[in-house]
Structure formats: C-alpha cells, structure tokens
Amino acid sequence: MLADPDAVLTRLRALCLALPRSGERLSHGMPAFDVAGKMFCYFWRDHHGDGLTAAAVKTSGRDEQDLLIESDPDLYKWLPYMGPSGWIGLDFEADSFDWAHLEARLLSSCASRRRNGWRCRSDRLSSRKARSAYPGPIGSRLKEGIAAETLNAGLDHGVYGSRSLLRKTGMTRVEDPP
C-alpha cells in the first residue's frame, strides 16, 4: 500500500475539482467526484481489503477496458462491482503511473459523461481580448493553467471531439502560451 494515501487523495482532489462545475461527495464509502451530478472519478482505497489504491475513471466500455488492461496490466486494474459498468482503476503504485496521464484520463472520463448531456468545457469568456490565441475549450483550458501536454493527451483521447478544431487554425498540436 501507499506510504501516504491521504497525500495522493489531496492531489487527485485538486485535479478533479479544477474541472468546471465539479464537486465531491462520499459514494459507497469512498470519495467520488462528479460534474452536474454524474460521477467521473472515484478514489478507490483498500476497498474490501483488496490493498489497491487507485483512481477509478469511466471508460467507453468493456472493449476499451480490455485494451487498457492488455496494454499495461500493472497500471490498469479491473475493479469489482464497478468494472461491469465501464469503470477502470489506475493503480497509484504502478511503476508506469504518471500524473499527467491520469489527468488526461480524468478529462476523457469527464468527456464520456459529457456525451450523456453535459459539456466538459469552461464557461465562455466574456471578452474577446481575454481569450487565448486558441479557439474554444482549448483556449479556455490554457487560460486556466492546464499544461499543453495534458491538453494534447486529452485531444488524443477525444476529450474535445475531433482534431478539426485545431485543423481549422492550421495547428496540429497545442503549445503552452508564451
């Protein structure tokens, strides 16, 4: 088990609550994070004595879960009770665990909830001058201080839909503003 799971929860909480309209509540005995009432992340900590400390995020379903577990069985874990509903765990103790990767998976999980009626993007900025050089939600996320690396990972996972938004501006990747 982790030396300090409370420190891990604190960092996970900061990432989850940084998303617009997100909140936290206790669900099934564990901290859970939601947007507009729909869960997108759970903090799994030694649930029923399994010894696992993980972030549970929503996937598109069994095919994606199988693909992820096959690609990195040390990082991705099948979660009892939650797995059949499309959730997968990212083990905080895995050698391949990376916070930037977790942040991208959180954005992807948020986007999966968006497809069910909620948009995972910041409120529009009122002034054109206040907007970043990047259009729409990408510019808004950069304004909030989220790293370009994380945004690119989110784009790769379909968080902002297709790459057509970037193609319209002639860009292929997002870069940190100067």
C-alpha atoms as a PDB file:
ATOM      1  CA  MET A   1       0.000   0.000   0.000  1.00  0.00           C
ATOM      2  CA  LEU A   2       0.996   3.608  -0.492  1.00  0.00           C
ATOM      3  CA  ALA A   3       3.006   5.301   2.216  1.00  0.00           C
ATOM      4  CA  ASP A   4       0.598   8.270   2.296  1.00  0.00           C
ATOM      5  CA  PRO A   5      -2.749   7.692   0.542  1.00  0.00           C
ATOM      6  CA  ASP A   6      -4.061  10.951   2.021  1.00  0.00           C
ATOM      7  CA  ALA A   7      -1.469  12.936   0.048  1.00  0.00           C
ATOM      8  CA  VAL A   8      -2.495  11.089  -3.119  1.00  0.00           C
ATOM      9  CA  LEU A   9      -6.170  11.856  -2.433  1.00  0.00           C
ATOM     10  CA  THR A  10      -5.322  15.529  -1.893  1.00  0.00           C
ATOM     11  CA  ARG A  11      -3.593  15.729  -5.281  1.00  0.00           C
ATOM     12  CA  LEU A  12      -6.390  13.769  -7.016  1.00  0.00           C
ATOM     13  CA  ARG A  13      -8.963  16.045  -5.386  1.00  0.00           C
ATOM     14  CA  ALA A  14      -7.156  19.126  -6.726  1.00  0.00           C
ATOM     15  CA  LEU A  15      -7.167  17.711 -10.273  1.00  0.00           C
ATOM     16  CA  CYS A  16     -10.830  16.717 -10.160  1.00  0.00           C
ATOM     17  CA  LEU A  17     -12.110  19.905  -8.560  1.00  0.00           C
ATOM     18  CA  ALA A  18     -10.190  22.017 -11.101  1.00  0.00           C
ATOM     19  CA  LEU A  19     -12.705  20.921 -13.738  1.00  0.00           C
ATOM     20  CA  PRO A  20     -15.590  23.359 -14.203  1.00  0.00           C
ATOM     21  CA  ARG A  21     -18.777  22.579 -12.268  1.00  0.00           C
ATOM     22  CA  SER A  22     -17.181  19.630 -10.480  1.00  0.00           C
ATOM     23  CA  GLY A  23     -17.951  18.576  -6.944  1.00  0.00           C
ATOM     24  CA  GLU A  24     -17.069  15.955  -4.384  1.00  0.00           C
ATOM     25  CA  ARG A  25     -19.212  13.671  -2.275  1.00  0.00           C
ATOM     26  CA  LEU A  26     -18.961  10.366  -0.468  1.00  0.00           C
ATOM     27  CA  SER A  27     -20.335   7.471  -2.506  1.00  0.00           C
ATOM     28  CA  HIS A  28     -20.222   3.808  -1.496  1.00  0.00           C
ATOM     29  CA  GLY A  29     -17.799   4.709   1.295  1.00  0.00           C
ATOM     30  CA  MET A  30     -15.220   6.409  -0.938  1.00  0.00           C
ATOM     31  CA  PRO A  31     -14.597   9.964  -2.163  1.00  0.00           C
ATOM     32  CA  ALA A  32     -16.276  10.498  -5.532  1.00  0.00           C
ATOM     33  CA  PHE A  33     -16.093  13.392  -7.988  1.00  0.00           C
ATOM     34  CA  ASP A  34     -18.951  14.454 -10.219  1.00  0.00           C
ATOM     35  CA  VAL A  35     -19.970  17.053 -12.756  1.00  0.00           C
ATOM     36  CA  ALA A  36     -23.614  18.046 -12.902  1.00  0.00           C
ATOM     37  CA  GLY A  37     -24.495  15.011 -10.770  1.00  0.00           C
ATOM     38  CA  LYS A  38     -22.670  12.445 -12.947  1.00  0.00           C
ATOM     39  CA  MET A  39     -19.643  10.693 -11.460  1.00  0.00           C
ATOM     40  CA  PHE A  40     -16.399  10.790 -13.413  1.00  0.00           C
ATOM     41  CA  CYS A  41     -13.862   9.619 -10.785  1.00  0.00           C
ATOM     42  CA  TYR A  42     -13.711   7.635  -7.533  1.00  0.00           C
ATOM     43  CA  PHE A  43     -10.813   7.305  -5.101  1.00  0.00           C
ATOM     44  CA  TRP A  44     -10.507   3.549  -4.525  1.00  0.00           C
ATOM     45  CA  ARG A  45      -8.598   2.858  -1.285  1.00  0.00           C
ATOM     46  CA  ASP A  46      -8.251  -0.681   0.053  1.00  0.00           C
ATOM     47  CA  HIS A  47     -11.889  -1.389  -0.792  1.00  0.00           C
ATOM     48  CA  HIS A  48     -12.964  -4.591   0.999  1.00  0.00           C
ATOM     49  CA  GLY A  49      -9.323  -5.223   1.964  1.00  0.00           C
ATOM     50  CA  ASP A  50      -8.000  -5.632  -1.603  1.00  0.00           C
ATOM     51  CA  GLY A  51      -4.904  -3.484  -0.871  1.00  0.00           C
ATOM     52  CA  LEU A  52      -5.380  -1.418  -4.044  1.00  0.00           C
ATOM     53  CA  THR A  53      -5.198   2.378  -4.083  1.00  0.00           C
ATOM     54  CA  ALA A  54      -6.431   3.641  -7.444  1.00  0.00           C
ATOM     55  CA  ALA A  55      -8.341   6.317  -9.279  1.00  0.00           C
ATOM     56  CA  ALA A  56     -11.442   4.803 -10.864  1.00  0.00           C
ATOM     57  CA  VAL A  57     -12.366   6.511 -14.137  1.00  0.00           C
ATOM     58  CA  LYS A  58     -15.127   5.876 -16.655  1.00  0.00           C
ATOM     59  CA  THR A  59     -14.303   4.228 -19.987  1.00  0.00           C
ATOM     60  CA  SER A  60     -16.371   3.639 -23.102  1.00  0.00           C
ATOM     61  CA  GLY A  61     -16.966   0.028 -22.105  1.00  0.00           C
ATOM     62  CA  ARG A  62     -15.549  -3.477 -21.991  1.00  0.00           C
ATOM     63  CA  ASP A  63     -13.542  -3.233 -25.238  1.00  0.00           C
ATOM     64  CA  GLU A  64     -11.625  -0.185 -24.007  1.00  0.00           C
ATOM     65  CA  GLN A  65     -11.131  -1.763 -20.571  1.00  0.00           C
ATOM     66  CA  ASP A  66      -9.689  -4.942 -22.115  1.00  0.00           C
ATOM     67  CA  LEU A  67      -7.412  -2.900 -24.378  1.00  0.00           C
ATOM     68  CA  LEU A  68      -6.103  -0.808 -21.477  1.00  0.00           C
ATOM     69  CA  ILE A  69      -5.507  -3.798 -19.195  1.00  0.00           C
ATOM     70  CA  GLU A  70      -3.746  -5.639 -22.020  1.00  0.00           C
ATOM     71  CA  SER A  71      -1.552  -2.623 -22.820  1.00  0.00           C
ATOM     72  CA  ASP A  72      -0.409  -2.077 -19.208  1.00  0.00           C
ATOM     73  CA  PRO A  73      -1.656  -4.650 -16.671  1.00  0.00           C
ATOM     74  CA  ASP A  74       0.499  -3.090 -13.940  1.00  0.00           C
ATOM     75  CA  LEU A  75      -1.243   0.291 -14.260  1.00  0.00           C
ATOM     76  CA  TYR A  76      -4.825  -0.597 -15.208  1.00  0.00           C
ATOM     77  CA  LYS A  77      -6.913  -2.752 -12.867  1.00  0.00           C
ATOM     78  CA  TRP A  78     -10.318  -4.369 -13.255  1.00  0.00           C
ATOM     79  CA  LEU A  79     -12.456  -3.146 -10.357  1.00  0.00           C
ATOM     80  CA  PRO A  80     -15.024  -5.499  -8.828  1.00  0.00           C
ATOM     81  CA  TYR A  81     -18.560  -4.076  -8.719  1.00  0.00           C
ATOM     82  CA  MET A  82     -17.584  -1.097 -10.913  1.00  0.00           C
ATOM     83  CA  GLY A  83     -15.875  -2.846 -13.833  1.00  0.00           C
ATOM     84  CA  PRO A  84     -19.072  -4.171 -15.422  1.00  0.00           C
ATOM     85  CA  SER A  85     -20.392  -0.590 -15.551  1.00  0.00           C
ATOM     86  CA  GLY A  86     -17.400   0.648 -17.577  1.00  0.00           C
ATOM     87  CA  TRP A  87     -15.044   1.818 -14.819  1.00  0.00           C
ATOM     88  CA  ILE A  88     -11.324   1.010 -14.650  1.00  0.00           C
ATOM     89  CA  GLY A  89      -8.720   1.668 -11.955  1.00  0.00           C
ATOM     90  CA  LEU A  90      -5.362   3.389 -12.406  1.00  0.00           C
ATOM     91  CA  ASP A  91      -3.074   1.980  -9.722  1.00  0.00           C
ATOM     92  CA  PHE A  92      -1.126   4.737  -7.945  1.00  0.00           C
ATOM     93  CA  GLU A  93       1.627   2.250  -7.026  1.00  0.00           C
ATOM     94  CA  ALA A  94       2.323   1.068 -10.589  1.00  0.00           C
ATOM     95  CA  ASP A  95       5.804   1.776 -11.943  1.00  0.00           C
ATOM     96  CA  SER A  96       4.244   3.321 -15.058  1.00  0.00           C
ATOM     97  CA  PHE A  97       1.883   5.629 -13.096  1.00  0.00           C
ATOM     98  CA  ASP A  98       2.104   9.242 -14.264  1.00  0.00           C
ATOM     99  CA  TRP A  99       0.047  12.198 -13.013  1.00  0.00           C
ATOM    100  CA  ALA A 100      -0.159  13.791 -16.480  1.00  0.00           C
ATOM    101  CA  HIS A 101      -1.568  10.535 -17.848  1.00  0.00           C
ATOM    102  CA  LEU A 102      -4.100  10.384 -15.015  1.00  0.00           C
ATOM    103  CA  GLU A 103      -5.148  13.958 -15.768  1.00  0.00           C
ATOM    104  CA  ALA A 104      -5.749  13.003 -19.409  1.00  0.00           C
ATOM    105  CA  ARG A 105      -7.833  10.003 -18.295  1.00  0.00           C
ATOM    106  CA  LEU A 106      -9.835  12.300 -15.982  1.00  0.00           C
ATOM    107  CA  LEU A 107     -10.573  14.587 -18.936  1.00  0.00           C
ATOM    108  CA  SER A 108     -11.570  11.564 -21.014  1.00  0.00           C
ATOM    109  CA  SER A 109     -13.821  10.304 -18.221  1.00  0.00           C
ATOM    110  CA  CYS A 110     -15.377  13.761 -17.975  1.00  0.00           C
ATOM    111  CA  ALA A 111     -15.949  13.768 -21.743  1.00  0.00           C
ATOM    112  CA  SER A 112     -17.707  10.411 -21.565  1.00  0.00           C
ATOM    113  CA  ARG A 113     -20.141  11.991 -19.130  1.00  0.00           C
ATOM    114  CA  ARG A 114     -20.482  14.977 -21.475  1.00  0.00           C
ATOM    115  CA  ARG A 115     -21.818  12.695 -24.200  1.00  0.00           C
ATOM    116  CA  ASN A 116     -24.639  11.949 -21.806  1.00  0.00           C
ATOM    117  CA  GLY A 117     -25.809  15.532 -21.562  1.00  0.00           C
ATOM    118  CA  TRP A 118     -23.043  17.639 -20.016  1.00  0.00           C
ATOM    119  CA  ARG A 119     -20.368  19.670 -21.762  1.00  0.00           C
ATOM    120  CA  CYS A 120     -16.850  19.369 -20.350  1.00  0.00           C
ATOM    121  CA  ARG A 121     -15.675  22.884 -21.077  1.00  0.00           C
ATOM    122  CA  SER A 122     -15.200  26.162 -19.313  1.00  0.00           C
ATOM    123  CA  ASP A 123     -17.819  28.871 -19.369  1.00  0.00           C
ATOM    124  CA  ARG A 124     -17.226  31.213 -22.269  1.00  0.00           C
ATOM    125  CA  LEU A 125     -15.028  34.186 -21.575  1.00  0.00           C
ATOM    126  CA  SER A 126     -16.926  37.443 -21.945  1.00  0.00           C
ATOM    127  CA  SER A 127     -14.208  39.468 -23.651  1.00  0.00           C
ATOM    128  CA  ARG A 128     -12.555  38.631 -26.981  1.00  0.00           C
ATOM    129  CA  LYS A 129      -9.328  40.156 -25.665  1.00  0.00           C
ATOM    130  CA  ALA A 130      -9.403  37.778 -22.704  1.00  0.00           C
ATOM    131  CA  ARG A 131      -9.488  34.719 -24.942  1.00  0.00           C
ATOM    132  CA  SER A 132      -6.326  32.837 -25.734  1.00  0.00           C
ATOM    133  CA  ALA A 133      -4.953  32.533 -29.256  1.00  0.00           C
ATOM    134  CA  TYR A 134      -6.508  29.069 -29.295  1.00  0.00           C
ATOM    135  CA  PRO A 135     -10.200  28.643 -30.052  1.00  0.00           C
ATOM    136  CA  GLY A 136     -12.994  27.376 -27.819  1.00  0.00           C
ATOM    137  CA  PRO A 137     -12.431  24.979 -24.954  1.00  0.00           C
ATOM    138  CA  ILE A 138      -8.725  24.518 -25.681  1.00  0.00           C
ATOM    139  CA  GLY A 139      -8.023  28.215 -25.210  1.00  0.00           C
ATOM    140  CA  SER A 140     -10.162  28.292 -22.102  1.00  0.00           C
ATOM    141  CA  ARG A 141      -8.252  25.357 -20.609  1.00  0.00           C
ATOM    142  CA  LEU A 142      -4.900  27.038 -21.366  1.00  0.00           C
ATOM    143  CA  LYS A 143      -6.179  30.189 -19.648  1.00  0.00           C
ATOM    144  CA  GLU A 144      -6.896  28.044 -16.576  1.00  0.00           C
ATOM    145  CA  GLY A 145      -3.255  26.960 -16.497  1.00  0.00           C
ATOM    146  CA  ILE A 146      -3.595  23.380 -17.687  1.00  0.00           C
ATOM    147  CA  ALA A 147      -0.414  22.293 -19.458  1.00  0.00           C
ATOM    148  CA  ALA A 148      -0.408  21.874 -23.234  1.00  0.00           C
ATOM    149  CA  GLU A 149       0.902  18.313 -22.770  1.00  0.00           C
ATOM    150  CA  THR A 150      -2.267  17.439 -20.872  1.00  0.00           C
ATOM    151  CA  LEU A 151      -4.458  19.110 -23.490  1.00  0.00           C
ATOM    152  CA  ASN A 152      -2.745  17.164 -26.266  1.00  0.00           C
ATOM    153  CA  ALA A 153      -3.333  13.940 -24.349  1.00  0.00           C
ATOM    154  CA  GLY A 154      -6.965  14.976 -23.943  1.00  0.00           C
ATOM    155  CA  LEU A 155      -7.225  15.575 -27.675  1.00  0.00           C
ATOM    156  CA  ASP A 156      -5.749  12.133 -28.309  1.00  0.00           C
ATOM    157  CA  HIS A 157      -8.489  10.647 -26.100  1.00  0.00           C
ATOM    158  CA  GLY A 158     -11.259  12.606 -27.842  1.00  0.00           C
ATOM    159  CA  VAL A 159     -11.988  14.973 -24.950  1.00  0.00           C
ATOM    160  CA  TYR A 160     -12.520  17.915 -27.313  1.00  0.00           C
ATOM    161  CA  GLY A 161     -14.054  15.875 -30.113  1.00  0.00           C
ATOM    162  CA  SER A 162     -12.080  15.527 -33.306  1.00  0.00           C
ATOM    163  CA  ARG A 163      -8.916  17.393 -34.170  1.00  0.00           C
ATOM    164  CA  SER A 164     -10.906  19.504 -36.657  1.00  0.00           C
ATOM    165  CA  LEU A 165     -10.811  22.397 -34.208  1.00  0.00           C
ATOM    166  CA  LEU A 166      -7.039  22.516 -34.497  1.00  0.00           C
ATOM    167  CA  ARG A 167      -7.047  21.821 -38.239  1.00  0.00           C
ATOM    168  CA  LYS A 168      -9.227  24.893 -38.808  1.00  0.00           C
ATOM    169  CA  THR A 169      -6.493  27.031 -37.297  1.00  0.00           C
ATOM    170  CA  GLY A 170      -3.680  25.217 -39.137  1.00  0.00           C
ATOM    171  CA  MET A 171      -2.227  23.714 -35.942  1.00  0.00           C
ATOM    172  CA  THR A 172      -1.547  20.062 -35.249  1.00  0.00           C
ATOM    173  CA  ARG A 173      -0.637  20.274 -31.552  1.00  0.00           C
ATOM    174  CA  VAL A 174      -1.310  22.720 -28.740  1.00  0.00           C
ATOM    175  CA  GLU A 175       1.679  24.571 -27.307  1.00  0.00           C
ATOM    176  CA  ASP A 176       1.996  26.381 -23.995  1.00  0.00           C
ATOM    177  CA  PRO A 177       1.387  30.124 -24.414  1.00  0.00           C
ATOM    178  CA  PRO A 178       4.478  32.366 -24.126  1.00  0.00           C
END
